[in-house]
N, C-alpha and C. Protein backbone atom coordinates (compact mmCIF):
# COMPACT_ATOMS: atom_id res chain seq x y z
N MET A 1 249.59 62.95 -175.20
CA MET A 1 249.80 62.31 -173.93
C MET A 1 251.24 62.53 -173.48
N SER A 2 251.39 62.85 -172.24
CA SER A 2 252.73 63.13 -171.74
C SER A 2 253.50 61.84 -171.46
N ARG A 3 254.80 62.01 -171.40
CA ARG A 3 255.67 60.88 -171.12
C ARG A 3 255.38 60.31 -169.73
N ALA A 4 255.13 61.19 -168.76
CA ALA A 4 254.84 60.74 -167.40
C ALA A 4 253.54 59.96 -167.34
N PHE A 5 252.52 60.42 -168.08
CA PHE A 5 251.24 59.72 -168.08
C PHE A 5 251.41 58.31 -168.63
N LEU A 6 252.13 58.17 -169.71
CA LEU A 6 252.34 56.84 -170.30
C LEU A 6 253.16 55.95 -169.37
N ARG A 7 254.24 56.50 -168.84
CA ARG A 7 255.13 55.71 -167.98
C ARG A 7 254.39 55.23 -166.73
N TYR A 8 253.76 56.14 -166.04
CA TYR A 8 253.10 55.77 -164.80
C TYR A 8 251.76 55.07 -165.05
N GLY A 9 251.14 55.36 -166.18
CA GLY A 9 249.92 54.64 -166.54
C GLY A 9 250.17 53.16 -166.72
N VAL A 10 251.26 52.83 -167.38
CA VAL A 10 251.64 51.42 -167.56
C VAL A 10 251.94 50.79 -166.20
N LEU A 11 252.64 51.52 -165.35
CA LEU A 11 252.94 51.03 -164.01
C LEU A 11 251.66 50.76 -163.21
N VAL A 12 250.69 51.65 -163.32
CA VAL A 12 249.42 51.48 -162.61
C VAL A 12 248.66 50.27 -163.14
N VAL A 13 248.61 50.10 -164.45
CA VAL A 13 247.89 48.95 -165.04
C VAL A 13 248.55 47.64 -164.62
N ILE A 14 249.86 47.58 -164.65
CA ILE A 14 250.56 46.36 -164.24
C ILE A 14 250.32 46.07 -162.76
N SER A 15 250.41 47.11 -161.92
CA SER A 15 250.17 46.93 -160.49
C SER A 15 248.76 46.44 -160.22
N PHE A 16 247.79 47.09 -160.87
CA PHE A 16 246.40 46.68 -160.68
C PHE A 16 246.20 45.23 -161.10
N THR A 17 246.75 44.86 -162.25
CA THR A 17 246.58 43.50 -162.76
C THR A 17 247.17 42.47 -161.81
N LEU A 18 248.35 42.74 -161.28
CA LEU A 18 248.98 41.80 -160.35
C LEU A 18 248.18 41.68 -159.05
N ILE A 19 247.72 42.79 -158.52
CA ILE A 19 246.95 42.75 -157.27
C ILE A 19 245.60 42.08 -157.50
N TYR A 20 244.97 42.36 -158.64
CA TYR A 20 243.71 41.70 -158.96
C TYR A 20 243.92 40.19 -159.07
N TYR A 21 244.96 39.78 -159.77
CA TYR A 21 245.26 38.36 -159.91
C TYR A 21 245.43 37.71 -158.54
N LEU A 22 246.19 38.37 -157.68
CA LEU A 22 246.43 37.83 -156.34
C LEU A 22 245.14 37.70 -155.56
N THR A 23 244.32 38.74 -155.57
CA THR A 23 243.10 38.70 -154.76
C THR A 23 242.03 37.77 -155.35
N HIS A 24 241.93 37.73 -156.65
CA HIS A 24 240.87 36.91 -157.25
C HIS A 24 241.26 35.44 -157.38
N TYR A 25 242.43 35.18 -157.92
CA TYR A 25 242.80 33.80 -158.22
C TYR A 25 243.54 33.10 -157.09
N ARG A 26 244.25 33.85 -156.27
CA ARG A 26 244.98 33.22 -155.17
C ARG A 26 244.21 33.25 -153.86
N LEU A 27 243.57 34.38 -153.57
CA LEU A 27 242.82 34.51 -152.32
C LEU A 27 241.34 34.21 -152.51
N HIS A 28 240.92 33.99 -153.76
CA HIS A 28 239.56 33.57 -154.12
C HIS A 28 238.48 34.58 -153.71
N PHE A 29 238.79 35.86 -153.85
CA PHE A 29 237.76 36.89 -153.67
C PHE A 29 236.87 36.87 -154.90
N ILE A 30 235.59 37.22 -154.71
CA ILE A 30 234.73 37.32 -155.88
C ILE A 30 235.15 38.54 -156.70
N ASN A 31 234.73 38.59 -157.97
CA ASN A 31 235.20 39.61 -158.90
C ASN A 31 235.09 41.03 -158.37
N LEU A 32 233.93 41.41 -157.83
CA LEU A 32 233.73 42.78 -157.36
C LEU A 32 234.69 43.13 -156.24
N TRP A 33 234.83 42.25 -155.25
CA TRP A 33 235.73 42.53 -154.14
C TRP A 33 237.18 42.54 -154.58
N ALA A 34 237.54 41.64 -155.47
CA ALA A 34 238.91 41.62 -155.98
C ALA A 34 239.21 42.93 -156.72
N PHE A 35 238.26 43.40 -157.51
CA PHE A 35 238.44 44.66 -158.22
C PHE A 35 238.60 45.82 -157.25
N LEU A 36 237.71 45.90 -156.26
CA LEU A 36 237.76 47.01 -155.30
C LEU A 36 239.04 47.00 -154.48
N VAL A 37 239.47 45.85 -154.04
CA VAL A 37 240.73 45.76 -153.29
C VAL A 37 241.89 46.17 -154.19
N ALA A 38 241.91 45.66 -155.42
CA ALA A 38 243.02 45.95 -156.33
C ALA A 38 243.09 47.44 -156.68
N ILE A 39 241.96 48.07 -156.99
CA ILE A 39 241.99 49.48 -157.38
C ILE A 39 242.36 50.35 -156.19
N ASN A 40 241.88 50.04 -155.01
CA ASN A 40 242.19 50.86 -153.84
C ASN A 40 243.63 50.69 -153.37
N VAL A 41 244.16 49.49 -153.43
CA VAL A 41 245.57 49.30 -153.09
C VAL A 41 246.45 49.98 -154.13
N THR A 42 246.08 49.88 -155.40
CA THR A 42 246.85 50.53 -156.47
C THR A 42 246.87 52.04 -156.31
N VAL A 43 245.72 52.64 -156.04
CA VAL A 43 245.69 54.10 -155.90
C VAL A 43 246.44 54.52 -154.63
N PHE A 44 246.35 53.74 -153.57
CA PHE A 44 247.11 54.03 -152.35
C PHE A 44 248.61 54.03 -152.63
N LEU A 45 249.06 53.00 -153.34
CA LEU A 45 250.48 52.92 -153.69
C LEU A 45 250.90 54.04 -154.64
N SER A 46 250.01 54.44 -155.53
CA SER A 46 250.30 55.54 -156.46
C SER A 46 250.53 56.85 -155.72
N TYR A 47 249.68 57.14 -154.75
CA TYR A 47 249.85 58.35 -153.94
C TYR A 47 251.17 58.30 -153.18
N GLY A 48 251.46 57.15 -152.59
CA GLY A 48 252.71 57.01 -151.84
C GLY A 48 253.93 57.17 -152.73
N PHE A 49 253.87 56.57 -153.91
CA PHE A 49 254.98 56.68 -154.85
C PHE A 49 255.13 58.12 -155.34
N ASP A 50 254.00 58.79 -155.59
CA ASP A 50 254.06 60.18 -156.03
C ASP A 50 254.64 61.08 -154.94
N LYS A 51 254.32 60.81 -153.70
CA LYS A 51 254.90 61.57 -152.59
C LYS A 51 256.41 61.37 -152.54
N LEU A 52 256.85 60.14 -152.73
CA LEU A 52 258.28 59.86 -152.76
C LEU A 52 258.96 60.58 -153.92
N LEU A 53 258.34 60.54 -155.09
CA LEU A 53 258.87 61.24 -156.26
C LEU A 53 258.96 62.75 -156.02
N ALA A 54 257.97 63.29 -155.31
CA ALA A 54 257.97 64.72 -155.00
C ALA A 54 259.14 65.08 -154.09
N LYS A 55 259.40 64.24 -153.10
CA LYS A 55 260.52 64.50 -152.19
C LYS A 55 261.86 64.40 -152.89
N LEU A 56 261.95 63.48 -153.87
CA LEU A 56 263.20 63.29 -154.60
C LEU A 56 263.38 64.30 -155.74
N GLY A 57 262.29 64.99 -156.11
CA GLY A 57 262.35 65.96 -157.19
C GLY A 57 262.35 65.32 -158.57
N TRP A 58 261.80 64.12 -158.69
CA TRP A 58 261.76 63.41 -159.95
C TRP A 58 260.45 63.68 -160.68
N LEU A 59 260.31 63.09 -161.86
CA LEU A 59 259.11 63.22 -162.68
C LEU A 59 257.92 62.64 -161.93
N ARG A 60 256.86 63.45 -161.75
CA ARG A 60 255.73 63.10 -160.90
C ARG A 60 254.60 62.43 -161.66
N PHE A 61 253.72 61.78 -160.90
CA PHE A 61 252.47 61.26 -161.45
C PHE A 61 251.63 62.44 -161.91
N PRO A 62 251.04 62.38 -163.09
CA PRO A 62 250.09 63.43 -163.48
C PRO A 62 248.85 63.34 -162.59
N GLU A 63 248.32 64.48 -162.22
CA GLU A 63 247.14 64.50 -161.35
C GLU A 63 245.96 63.78 -162.00
N ILE A 64 245.84 63.88 -163.31
CA ILE A 64 244.73 63.24 -164.00
C ILE A 64 244.77 61.72 -163.81
N LEU A 65 245.95 61.15 -163.72
CA LEU A 65 246.08 59.71 -163.50
C LEU A 65 245.59 59.34 -162.10
N LEU A 66 245.88 60.17 -161.12
CA LEU A 66 245.37 59.91 -159.77
C LEU A 66 243.85 60.05 -159.75
N HIS A 67 243.32 61.02 -160.47
CA HIS A 67 241.86 61.20 -160.53
C HIS A 67 241.19 60.04 -161.26
N ILE A 68 241.79 59.55 -162.32
CA ILE A 68 241.21 58.43 -163.07
C ILE A 68 241.11 57.20 -162.17
N GLN A 69 242.15 56.95 -161.39
CA GLN A 69 242.11 55.81 -160.48
C GLN A 69 241.01 55.97 -159.44
N ALA A 70 240.87 57.17 -158.91
CA ALA A 70 239.80 57.42 -157.93
C ALA A 70 238.43 57.25 -158.58
N PHE A 71 238.29 57.74 -159.80
CA PHE A 71 237.01 57.65 -160.51
C PHE A 71 236.57 56.21 -160.71
N PHE A 72 237.51 55.32 -160.97
CA PHE A 72 237.16 53.93 -161.23
C PHE A 72 237.06 53.09 -159.96
N GLY A 73 236.87 53.74 -158.83
CA GLY A 73 236.58 53.00 -157.59
C GLY A 73 237.63 53.12 -156.52
N GLY A 74 238.64 53.93 -156.71
CA GLY A 74 239.72 54.02 -155.74
C GLY A 74 239.63 55.20 -154.78
N VAL A 75 238.42 55.70 -154.54
CA VAL A 75 238.28 56.86 -153.66
C VAL A 75 238.72 56.54 -152.23
N ALA A 76 238.38 55.38 -151.73
CA ALA A 76 238.76 55.02 -150.36
C ALA A 76 240.28 54.94 -150.22
N GLY A 77 240.94 54.32 -151.18
CA GLY A 77 242.39 54.24 -151.14
C GLY A 77 243.04 55.61 -151.28
N ALA A 78 242.45 56.46 -152.12
CA ALA A 78 242.98 57.81 -152.30
C ALA A 78 242.82 58.63 -151.03
N LEU A 79 241.67 58.52 -150.40
CA LEU A 79 241.43 59.28 -149.17
C LEU A 79 242.37 58.81 -148.06
N ALA A 80 242.55 57.50 -147.93
CA ALA A 80 243.47 56.97 -146.93
C ALA A 80 244.90 57.44 -147.20
N ALA A 81 245.31 57.40 -148.46
CA ALA A 81 246.67 57.82 -148.81
C ALA A 81 246.88 59.31 -148.57
N GLN A 82 245.86 60.11 -148.86
CA GLN A 82 245.99 61.55 -148.62
C GLN A 82 246.23 61.82 -147.14
N GLN A 83 245.57 61.08 -146.27
CA GLN A 83 245.72 61.30 -144.84
C GLN A 83 247.01 60.70 -144.29
N ILE A 84 247.38 59.53 -144.75
CA ILE A 84 248.59 58.87 -144.24
C ILE A 84 249.85 59.54 -144.75
N PHE A 85 249.90 59.83 -146.06
CA PHE A 85 251.10 60.44 -146.65
C PHE A 85 251.05 61.97 -146.61
N TRP A 86 249.91 62.51 -146.20
CA TRP A 86 249.69 63.96 -146.18
C TRP A 86 250.05 64.54 -147.53
N HIS A 87 249.43 63.95 -148.56
CA HIS A 87 249.78 64.28 -149.94
C HIS A 87 248.54 64.76 -150.69
N LYS A 88 248.67 65.86 -151.40
CA LYS A 88 247.61 66.46 -152.21
C LYS A 88 246.44 66.94 -151.35
N THR A 89 246.69 67.28 -150.10
CA THR A 89 245.61 67.70 -149.20
C THR A 89 245.39 69.21 -149.22
N THR A 90 246.35 69.98 -149.64
CA THR A 90 246.20 71.43 -149.61
C THR A 90 246.03 72.05 -151.00
N LYS A 91 246.22 71.28 -152.04
CA LYS A 91 246.06 71.82 -153.39
C LYS A 91 244.57 71.88 -153.71
N ARG A 92 244.04 73.08 -153.73
CA ARG A 92 242.60 73.30 -153.84
C ARG A 92 241.99 72.72 -155.12
N SER A 93 242.63 72.94 -156.26
CA SER A 93 242.07 72.46 -157.53
C SER A 93 242.00 70.93 -157.54
N PHE A 94 242.99 70.28 -156.98
CA PHE A 94 243.00 68.82 -156.90
C PHE A 94 241.87 68.34 -155.99
N GLN A 95 241.71 68.98 -154.84
CA GLN A 95 240.70 68.57 -153.87
C GLN A 95 239.28 68.78 -154.40
N ILE A 96 239.05 69.83 -155.16
CA ILE A 96 237.72 70.07 -155.73
C ILE A 96 237.33 68.92 -156.66
N ILE A 97 238.24 68.55 -157.54
CA ILE A 97 237.95 67.44 -158.47
C ILE A 97 237.79 66.13 -157.71
N PHE A 98 238.65 65.90 -156.71
CA PHE A 98 238.57 64.67 -155.93
C PHE A 98 237.22 64.55 -155.23
N TRP A 99 236.76 65.62 -154.59
CA TRP A 99 235.48 65.56 -153.87
C TRP A 99 234.30 65.49 -154.81
N LEU A 100 234.41 66.04 -156.01
CA LEU A 100 233.35 65.86 -157.00
C LEU A 100 233.24 64.40 -157.42
N ILE A 101 234.39 63.75 -157.58
CA ILE A 101 234.39 62.31 -157.89
C ILE A 101 233.75 61.54 -156.74
N PHE A 102 234.10 61.89 -155.52
CA PHE A 102 233.53 61.23 -154.34
C PHE A 102 232.01 61.36 -154.31
N VAL A 103 231.50 62.57 -154.49
CA VAL A 103 230.06 62.80 -154.47
C VAL A 103 229.38 62.03 -155.60
N LEU A 104 229.98 62.03 -156.78
CA LEU A 104 229.43 61.28 -157.90
C LEU A 104 229.32 59.79 -157.57
N GLN A 105 230.34 59.24 -156.93
CA GLN A 105 230.31 57.82 -156.59
C GLN A 105 229.29 57.52 -155.50
N VAL A 106 229.12 58.42 -154.54
CA VAL A 106 228.10 58.21 -153.51
C VAL A 106 226.71 58.24 -154.14
N MET A 107 226.49 59.17 -155.06
CA MET A 107 225.20 59.23 -155.75
C MET A 107 224.96 57.97 -156.57
N LEU A 108 225.98 57.50 -157.27
CA LEU A 108 225.85 56.28 -158.05
C LEU A 108 225.57 55.08 -157.16
N LEU A 109 226.25 55.00 -156.04
CA LEU A 109 226.02 53.92 -155.09
C LEU A 109 224.58 53.95 -154.57
N TYR A 110 224.07 55.14 -154.29
CA TYR A 110 222.69 55.27 -153.84
C TYR A 110 221.72 54.76 -154.92
N VAL A 111 221.96 55.16 -156.15
CA VAL A 111 221.09 54.73 -157.25
C VAL A 111 221.11 53.22 -157.39
N VAL A 112 222.27 52.63 -157.30
CA VAL A 112 222.39 51.19 -157.46
C VAL A 112 221.74 50.44 -156.29
N MET A 113 221.94 50.95 -155.07
CA MET A 113 221.47 50.22 -153.89
C MET A 113 219.99 50.45 -153.57
N TYR A 114 219.47 51.65 -153.83
CA TYR A 114 218.16 51.99 -153.29
C TYR A 114 217.10 52.34 -154.34
N THR A 115 217.41 52.19 -155.60
CA THR A 115 216.39 52.43 -156.61
C THR A 115 216.30 51.24 -157.54
N ASP A 116 215.28 51.20 -158.33
CA ASP A 116 215.09 50.13 -159.30
C ASP A 116 215.53 50.55 -160.70
N LEU A 117 216.36 51.58 -160.78
CA LEU A 117 216.77 52.09 -162.08
C LEU A 117 217.51 51.03 -162.90
N LEU A 118 218.41 50.31 -162.28
CA LEU A 118 219.15 49.29 -163.01
C LEU A 118 218.24 48.15 -163.47
N LYS A 119 217.26 47.79 -162.68
CA LYS A 119 216.32 46.73 -163.06
C LYS A 119 215.51 47.14 -164.29
N SER A 120 215.15 48.41 -164.35
CA SER A 120 214.38 48.87 -165.50
C SER A 120 215.22 48.98 -166.76
N ILE A 121 216.52 49.20 -166.60
CA ILE A 121 217.40 49.30 -167.76
C ILE A 121 217.78 47.93 -168.29
N PHE A 122 218.08 47.00 -167.39
CA PHE A 122 218.55 45.68 -167.82
C PHE A 122 217.46 44.66 -167.73
């Protein structure tokens, strides 16, 4: 594991935890909504911070960390950050993985919402 992954991974976990705490315990969002708000705000801030680091020429967020955040529900925040900060929009390899994650989540959402697969499993 790289030094950047550990450093920024800890920063992401702390940020997510604080935002989740705020949304769930202070604003009284239910667990699912608190999680979704926290992960999307965290990934949005991660993209913004990575853009700032890129401009300053400092140690950057590893792309895998940005993808992990998107995979765990932060696709909306990642997409918004890509458009607002104009960050990671032209790197083809990054975009291919990002859109594969997006398609996977849409398929999963369809399965959860419109099929009885989960009922048969649980």
